[in-house]
């Protein structure tokens, strides 16, 4: 059975403030669905999103390191 979180629960799961979750929702960057007027989050989708976000983050970090090593 799929585990579904509320907005407050996903904020705790991600260790961010609920306003950060709202900001990500507004930018359509966080996988979610609405149940009535309330947002809900599938844990498996959030975990996949985290893996993707971490991959992009590590790419950006390596890009930034390469830039810092380039001669000016």
PDB file of N, CA and C in Angstrom:
ATOM      1  N   UNK A   1       0.835  -1.191   0.000  1.00  0.00           N
ATOM      2  CA  UNK A   1       0.000   0.000   0.000  1.00  0.00           C
ATOM      3  C   UNK A   1       0.878   1.253   0.000  1.00  0.00           C
ATOM      4  N   UNK A   2       0.502   2.232  -0.790  1.00  0.00           N
ATOM      5  CA  UNK A   2       1.282   3.462  -0.888  1.00  0.00           C
ATOM      6  C   UNK A   2       1.090   4.321   0.351  1.00  0.00           C
ATOM      7  N   UNK A   3       2.190   4.893   0.810  1.00  0.00           N
ATOM      8  CA  UNK A   3       2.136   5.790   1.966  1.00  0.00           C
ATOM      9  C   UNK A   3       1.970   7.214   1.467  1.00  0.00           C
ATOM     10  N   UNK A   4       0.984   7.911   1.995  1.00  0.00           N
ATOM     11  CA  UNK A   4       0.672   9.276   1.585  1.00  0.00           C
ATOM     12  C   UNK A   4       0.852  10.201   2.782  1.00  0.00           C
ATOM     13  N   UNK A   5       1.506  11.341   2.534  1.00  0.00           N
ATOM     14  CA  UNK A   5       1.801  12.312   3.592  1.00  0.00           C
ATOM     15  C   UNK A   5       1.009  13.600   3.387  1.00  0.00           C
ATOM     16  N   UNK A   6       0.747  14.282   4.485  1.00  0.00           N
ATOM     17  CA  UNK A   6       0.172  15.626   4.425  1.00  0.00           C
ATOM     18  C   UNK A   6       1.305  16.624   4.174  1.00  0.00           C
ATOM     19  N   UNK A   7       0.937  17.869   3.988  1.00  0.00           N
ATOM     20  CA  UNK A   7       1.950  18.902   3.767  1.00  0.00           C
ATOM     21  C   UNK A   7       2.874  19.023   4.973  1.00  0.00           C
ATOM     22  N   UNK A   8       2.307  19.014   6.155  1.00  0.00           N
ATOM     23  CA  UNK A   8       3.133  19.122   7.365  1.00  0.00           C
ATOM     24  C   UNK A   8       4.064  17.918   7.500  1.00  0.00           C
ATOM     25  N   UNK A   9       3.549  16.728   7.186  1.00  0.00           N
ATOM     26  CA  UNK A   9       4.365  15.514   7.286  1.00  0.00           C
ATOM     27  C   UNK A   9       5.496  15.516   6.267  1.00  0.00           C
ATOM     28  N   UNK A  10       5.215  15.966   5.035  1.00  0.00           N
ATOM     29  CA  UNK A  10       6.280  15.988   4.027  1.00  0.00           C
ATOM     30  C   UNK A  10       7.329  17.043   4.378  1.00  0.00           C
ATOM     31  N   UNK A  11       6.902  18.137   4.998  1.00  0.00           N
ATOM     32  CA  UNK A  11       7.871  19.152   5.447  1.00  0.00           C
ATOM     33  C   UNK A  11       8.804  18.545   6.488  1.00  0.00           C
ATOM     34  N   UNK A  12       8.264  17.786   7.428  1.00  0.00           N
ATOM     35  CA  UNK A  12       9.100  17.121   8.428  1.00  0.00           C
ATOM     36  C   UNK A  12       9.989  16.075   7.764  1.00  0.00           C
ATOM     37  N   UNK A  13       9.439  15.324   6.821  1.00  0.00           N
ATOM     38  CA  UNK A  13      10.185  14.283   6.115  1.00  0.00           C
ATOM     39  C   UNK A  13      11.384  14.876   5.377  1.00  0.00           C
ATOM     40  N   UNK A  14      11.170  16.043   4.752  1.00  0.00           N
ATOM     41  CA  UNK A  14      12.240  16.709   3.997  1.00  0.00           C
ATOM     42  C   UNK A  14      13.099  17.614   4.884  1.00  0.00           C
ATOM     43  N   UNK A  15      12.671  17.803   6.126  1.00  0.00           N
ATOM     44  CA  UNK A  15      13.356  18.679   7.079  1.00  0.00           C
ATOM     45  C   UNK A  15      13.446  20.116   6.577  1.00  0.00           C
ATOM     46  N   UNK A  16      12.297  20.596   6.106  1.00  0.00           N
ATOM     47  CA  UNK A  16      12.184  21.980   5.653  1.00  0.00           C
ATOM     48  C   UNK A  16      10.941  22.588   6.283  1.00  0.00           C
ATOM     49  N   UNK A  17      10.837  23.889   6.200  1.00  0.00           N
ATOM     50  CA  UNK A  17       9.662  24.600   6.706  1.00  0.00           C
ATOM     51  C   UNK A  17       8.495  24.381   5.731  1.00  0.00           C
ATOM     52  N   UNK A  18       7.265  24.321   6.234  1.00  0.00           N
ATOM     53  CA  UNK A  18       6.118  24.154   5.332  1.00  0.00           C
ATOM     54  C   UNK A  18       6.054  25.210   4.230  1.00  0.00           C
ATOM     55  N   UNK A  19       6.512  26.417   4.491  1.00  0.00           N
ATOM     56  CA  UNK A  19       6.500  27.449   3.441  1.00  0.00           C
ATOM     57  C   UNK A  19       7.425  27.072   2.280  1.00  0.00           C
ATOM     58  N   UNK A  20       8.478  26.320   2.563  1.00  0.00           N
ATOM     59  CA  UNK A  20       9.364  25.831   1.499  1.00  0.00           C
ATOM     60  C   UNK A  20       8.616  24.833   0.627  1.00  0.00           C
ATOM     61  N   UNK A  21       7.812  23.986   1.242  1.00  0.00           N
ATOM     62  CA  UNK A  21       7.007  23.023   0.479  1.00  0.00           C
ATOM     63  C   UNK A  21       6.030  23.780  -0.414  1.00  0.00           C
ATOM     64  N   UNK A  22       5.355  24.788   0.133  1.00  0.00           N
ATOM     65  CA  UNK A  22       4.435  25.598  -0.675  1.00  0.00           C
ATOM     66  C   UNK A  22       5.148  26.259  -1.847  1.00  0.00           C
ATOM     67  N   UNK A  23       6.360  26.759  -1.600  1.00  0.00           N
ATOM     68  CA  UNK A  23       7.124  27.409  -2.671  1.00  0.00           C
ATOM     69  C   UNK A  23       7.453  26.416  -3.785  1.00  0.00           C
ATOM     70  N   UNK A  24       7.871  25.202  -3.403  1.00  0.00           N
ATOM     71  CA  UNK A  24       8.163  24.169  -4.398  1.00  0.00           C
ATOM     72  C   UNK A  24       6.912  23.763  -5.159  1.00  0.00           C
ATOM     73  N   UNK A  25       5.781  23.704  -4.473  1.00  0.00           N
ATOM     74  CA  UNK A  25       4.513  23.392  -5.141  1.00  0.00           C
ATOM     75  C   UNK A  25       4.152  24.478  -6.146  1.00  0.00           C
ATOM     76  N   UNK A  26       4.314  25.725  -5.756  1.00  0.00           N
ATOM     77  CA  UNK A  26       3.988  26.845  -6.640  1.00  0.00           C
ATOM     78  C   UNK A  26       4.835  26.802  -7.916  1.00  0.00           C
ATOM     79  N   UNK A  27       6.107  26.405  -7.763  1.00  0.00           N
ATOM     80  CA  UNK A  27       7.009  26.308  -8.903  1.00  0.00           C
ATOM     81  C   UNK A  27       6.846  24.980  -9.654  1.00  0.00           C
ATOM     82  N   UNK A  28       5.933  24.125  -9.172  1.00  0.00           N
ATOM     83  CA  UNK A  28       5.649  22.811  -9.764  1.00  0.00           C
ATOM     84  C   UNK A  28       6.900  21.937  -9.807  1.00  0.00           C
ATOM     85  N   UNK A  29       7.693  22.011  -8.747  1.00  0.00           N
ATOM     86  CA  UNK A  29       8.921  21.235  -8.669  1.00  0.00           C
ATOM     87  C   UNK A  29       8.794  19.997  -7.784  1.00  0.00           C
ATOM     88  N   UNK A  30       7.711  19.905  -7.021  1.00  0.00           N
ATOM     89  CA  UNK A  30       7.542  18.816  -6.060  1.00  0.00           C
ATOM     90  C   UNK A  30       6.348  17.958  -6.493  1.00  0.00           C
ATOM     91  N   UNK A  31       6.529  16.627  -6.579  1.00  0.00           N
ATOM     92  CA  UNK A  31       5.404  15.774  -6.980  1.00  0.00           C
ATOM     93  C   UNK A  31       4.348  15.724  -5.880  1.00  0.00           C
ATOM     94  N   UNK A  32       3.111  16.059  -6.239  1.00  0.00           N
ATOM     95  CA  UNK A  32       2.028  16.099  -5.261  1.00  0.00           C
ATOM     96  C   UNK A  32       0.693  16.006  -5.985  1.00  0.00           C
ATOM     97  N   UNK A  33      -0.336  15.794  -5.210  1.00  0.00           N
ATOM     98  CA  UNK A  33      -1.690  15.819  -5.755  1.00  0.00           C
ATOM     99  C   UNK A  33      -2.607  16.430  -4.703  1.00  0.00           C
ATOM    100  N   UNK A  34      -3.754  16.885  -5.167  1.00  0.00           N
ATOM    101  CA  UNK A  34      -4.710  17.496  -4.251  1.00  0.00           C
ATOM    102  C   UNK A  34      -5.810  16.503  -3.917  1.00  0.00           C
ATOM    103  N   UNK A  35      -6.172  16.501  -2.649  1.00  0.00           N
ATOM    104  CA  UNK A  35      -7.308  15.723  -2.175  1.00  0.00           C
ATOM    105  C   UNK A  35      -8.265  16.764  -1.601  1.00  0.00           C
ATOM    106  N   UNK A  36      -9.264  17.123  -2.383  1.00  0.00           N
ATOM    107  CA  UNK A  36     -10.108  18.260  -2.010  1.00  0.00           C
ATOM    108  C   UNK A  36      -9.277  19.519  -2.140  1.00  0.00           C
ATOM    109  N   UNK A  37      -9.142  20.246  -1.056  1.00  0.00           N
ATOM    110  CA  UNK A  37      -8.316  21.471  -1.089  1.00  0.00           C
ATOM    111  C   UNK A  37      -6.953  21.257  -0.439  1.00  0.00           C
ATOM    112  N   UNK A  38      -6.679  20.033  -0.018  1.00  0.00           N
ATOM    113  CA  UNK A  38      -5.430  19.741   0.689  1.00  0.00           C
ATOM    114  C   UNK A  38      -4.420  19.029  -0.205  1.00  0.00           C
ATOM    115  N   UNK A  39      -3.161  19.402  -0.054  1.00  0.00           N
ATOM    116  CA  UNK A  39      -2.092  18.739  -0.785  1.00  0.00           C
ATOM    117  C   UNK A  39      -1.739  17.414  -0.121  1.00  0.00           C
ATOM    118  N   UNK A  40      -1.406  16.412  -0.951  1.00  0.00           N
ATOM    119  CA  UNK A  40      -0.948  15.111  -0.470  1.00  0.00           C
ATOM    120  C   UNK A  40       0.282  14.716  -1.276  1.00  0.00           C
ATOM    121  N   UNK A  41       1.126  13.894  -0.655  1.00  0.00           N
ATOM    122  CA  UNK A  41       2.415  13.536  -1.232  1.00  0.00           C
ATOM    123  C   UNK A  41       2.639  12.035  -1.086  1.00  0.00           C
ATOM    124  N   UNK A  42       2.936  11.372  -2.186  1.00  0.00           N
ATOM    125  CA  UNK A  42       3.266   9.952  -2.161  1.00  0.00           C
ATOM    126  C   UNK A  42       4.738   9.819  -1.787  1.00  0.00           C
ATOM    127  N   UNK A  43       5.041   9.040  -0.762  1.00  0.00           N
ATOM    128  CA  UNK A  43       6.420   8.916  -0.269  1.00  0.00           C
ATOM    129  C   UNK A  43       7.353   8.398  -1.362  1.00  0.00           C
ATOM    130  N   UNK A  44       6.911   7.424  -2.144  1.00  0.00           N
ATOM    131  CA  UNK A  44       7.769   6.884  -3.215  1.00  0.00           C
ATOM    132  C   UNK A  44       8.112   7.967  -4.229  1.00  0.00           C
ATOM    133  N   UNK A  45       7.136   8.800  -4.573  1.00  0.00           N
ATOM    134  CA  UNK A  45       7.391   9.897  -5.523  1.00  0.00           C
ATOM    135  C   UNK A  45       8.351  10.920  -4.931  1.00  0.00           C
ATOM    136  N   UNK A  46       8.210  11.203  -3.650  1.00  0.00           N
ATOM    137  CA  UNK A  46       9.108  12.156  -2.981  1.00  0.00           C
ATOM    138  C   UNK A  46      10.529  11.591  -2.947  1.00  0.00           C
ATOM    139  N   UNK A  47      10.660  10.297  -2.655  1.00  0.00           N
ATOM    140  CA  UNK A  47      11.987   9.670  -2.632  1.00  0.00           C
ATOM    141  C   UNK A  47      12.651   9.721  -4.004  1.00  0.00           C
ATOM    142  N   UNK A  48      11.882   9.453  -5.063  1.00  0.00           N
ATOM    143  CA  UNK A  48      12.434   9.542  -6.430  1.00  0.00           C
ATOM    144  C   UNK A  48      12.833  10.978  -6.744  1.00  0.00           C
ATOM    145  N   UNK A  49      11.995  11.935  -6.340  1.00  0.00           N
ATOM    146  CA  UNK A  49      12.300  13.343  -6.564  1.00  0.00           C
ATOM    147  C   UNK A  49      13.594  13.727  -5.845  1.00  0.00           C
ATOM    148  N   UNK A  50      13.767  13.234  -4.619  1.00  0.00           N
ATOM    149  CA  UNK A  50      14.992  13.516  -3.862  1.00  0.00           C
ATOM    150  C   UNK A  50      16.220  12.962  -4.569  1.00  0.00           C
ATOM    151  N   UNK A  51      16.121  11.734  -5.068  1.00  0.00           N
ATOM    152  CA  UNK A  51      17.255  11.129  -5.778  1.00  0.00           C
ATOM    153  C   UNK A  51      17.617  11.955  -6.994  1.00  0.00           C
ATOM    154  N   UNK A  52      16.617  12.414  -7.726  1.00  0.00           N
ATOM    155  CA  UNK A  52      16.858  13.245  -8.905  1.00  0.00           C
ATOM    156  C   UNK A  52      17.462  14.587  -8.504  1.00  0.00           C
ATOM    157  N   UNK A  53      16.911  15.192  -7.456  1.00  0.00           N
ATOM    158  CA  UNK A  53      17.410  16.489  -6.994  1.00  0.00           C
ATOM    159  C   UNK A  53      18.846  16.370  -6.487  1.00  0.00           C
ATOM    160  N   UNK A  54      19.158  15.286  -5.801  1.00  0.00           N
ATOM    161  CA  UNK A  54      20.526  15.087  -5.313  1.00  0.00           C
ATOM    162  C   UNK A  54      21.486  14.888  -6.473  1.00  0.00           C
ATOM    163  N   UNK A  55      21.052  14.196  -7.507  1.00  0.00           N
ATOM    164  CA  UNK A  55      21.891  14.002  -8.687  1.00  0.00           C
ATOM    165  C   UNK A  55      22.186  15.318  -9.376  1.00  0.00           C
ATOM    166  N   UNK A  56      21.174  16.157  -9.516  1.00  0.00           N
ATOM    167  CA  UNK A  56      21.367  17.475 -10.132  1.00  0.00           C
ATOM    168  C   UNK A  56      22.268  18.336  -9.266  1.00  0.00           C
ATOM    169  N   UNK A  57      22.088  18.233  -7.952  1.00  0.00           N
ATOM    170  CA  UNK A  57      22.895  19.026  -7.023  1.00  0.00           C
ATOM    171  C   UNK A  57      24.367  18.651  -7.124  1.00  0.00           C
ATOM    172  N   UNK A  58      24.655  17.358  -7.194  1.00  0.00           N
ATOM    173  CA  UNK A  58      26.051  16.943  -7.276  1.00  0.00           C
ATOM    174  C   UNK A  58      26.647  17.349  -8.617  1.00  0.00           C
ATOM    175  N   UNK A  59      25.840  17.361  -9.683  1.00  0.00           N
ATOM    176  CA  UNK A  59      26.340  17.831 -10.976  1.00  0.00           C
ATOM    177  C   UNK A  59      26.660  19.313 -10.896  1.00  0.00           C
ATOM    178  N   UNK A  60      25.776  20.082 -10.286  1.00  0.00           N
ATOM    179  CA  UNK A  60      26.008  21.520 -10.158  1.00  0.00           C
ATOM    180  C   UNK A  60      27.245  21.795  -9.320  1.00  0.00           C
ATOM    181  N   UNK A  61      27.448  21.025  -8.261  1.00  0.00           N
ATOM    182  CA  UNK A  61      28.626  21.223  -7.425  1.00  0.00           C
ATOM    183  C   UNK A  61      29.895  20.938  -8.206  1.00  0.00           C
ATOM    184  N   UNK A  62      29.889  19.875  -9.009  1.00  0.00           N
ATOM    185  CA  UNK A  62      31.093  19.554  -9.780  1.00  0.00           C
ATOM    186  C   UNK A  62      31.323  20.610 -10.856  1.00  0.00           C
ATOM    187  N   UNK A  63      30.238  21.143 -11.438  1.00  0.00           N
ATOM    188  CA  UNK A  63      30.382  22.217 -12.412  1.00  0.00           C
ATOM    189  C   UNK A  63      30.992  23.446 -11.757  1.00  0.00           C
ATOM    190  N   UNK A  64      30.522  23.784 -10.560  1.00  0.00           N
ATOM    191  CA  UNK A  64      31.047  24.946  -9.847  1.00  0.00           C
ATOM    192  C   UNK A  64      32.509  24.742  -9.475  1.00  0.00           C
ATOM    193  N   UNK A  65      32.887  23.533  -9.098  1.00  0.00           N
ATOM    194  CA  UNK A  65      34.280  23.260  -8.748  1.00  0.00           C
ATOM    195  C   UNK A  65      35.158  23.412  -9.985  1.00  0.00           C
ATOM    196  N   UNK A  66      34.672  22.931 -11.137  1.00  0.00           N
ATOM    197  CA  UNK A  66      35.440  23.065 -12.363  1.00  0.00           C
ATOM    198  C   UNK A  66      35.643  24.535 -12.711  1.00  0.00           C
ATOM    199  N   UNK A  67      34.609  25.342 -12.506  1.00  0.00           N
ATOM    200  CA  UNK A  67      34.717  26.764 -12.809  1.00  0.00           C
ATOM    201  C   UNK A  67      35.699  27.458 -11.876  1.00  0.00           C
ATOM    202  N   UNK A  68      35.711  27.028 -10.613  1.00  0.00           N
ATOM    203  CA  UNK A  68      36.604  27.685  -9.665  1.00  0.00           C
ATOM    204  C   UNK A  68      38.052  27.337  -9.944  1.00  0.00           C
ATOM    205  N   UNK A  69      38.297  26.245 -10.633  1.00  0.00           N
ATOM    206  CA  UNK A  69      39.673  25.834 -10.941  1.00  0.00           C
ATOM    207  C   UNK A  69      40.196  26.454 -12.238  1.00  0.00           C
ATOM    208  N   UNK A  70      39.277  26.995 -13.043  1.00  0.00           N
ATOM    209  CA  UNK A  70      39.709  27.530 -14.318  1.00  0.00           C
ATOM    210  C   UNK A  70      40.474  28.842 -14.115  1.00  0.00           C
ATOM    211  N   UNK A  71      41.486  29.068 -14.947  1.00  0.00           N
ATOM    212  CA  UNK A  71      42.266  30.308 -14.824  1.00  0.00           C
ATOM    213  C   UNK A  71      41.421  31.507 -15.171  1.00  0.00           C
ATOM    214  N   UNK A  72      41.737  32.626 -14.556  1.00  0.00           N
ATOM    215  CA  UNK A  72      40.962  33.866 -14.806  1.00  0.00           C
ATOM    216  C   UNK A  72      41.730  34.804 -15.648  1.00  0.00           C
TER     217      UNK A  72
END
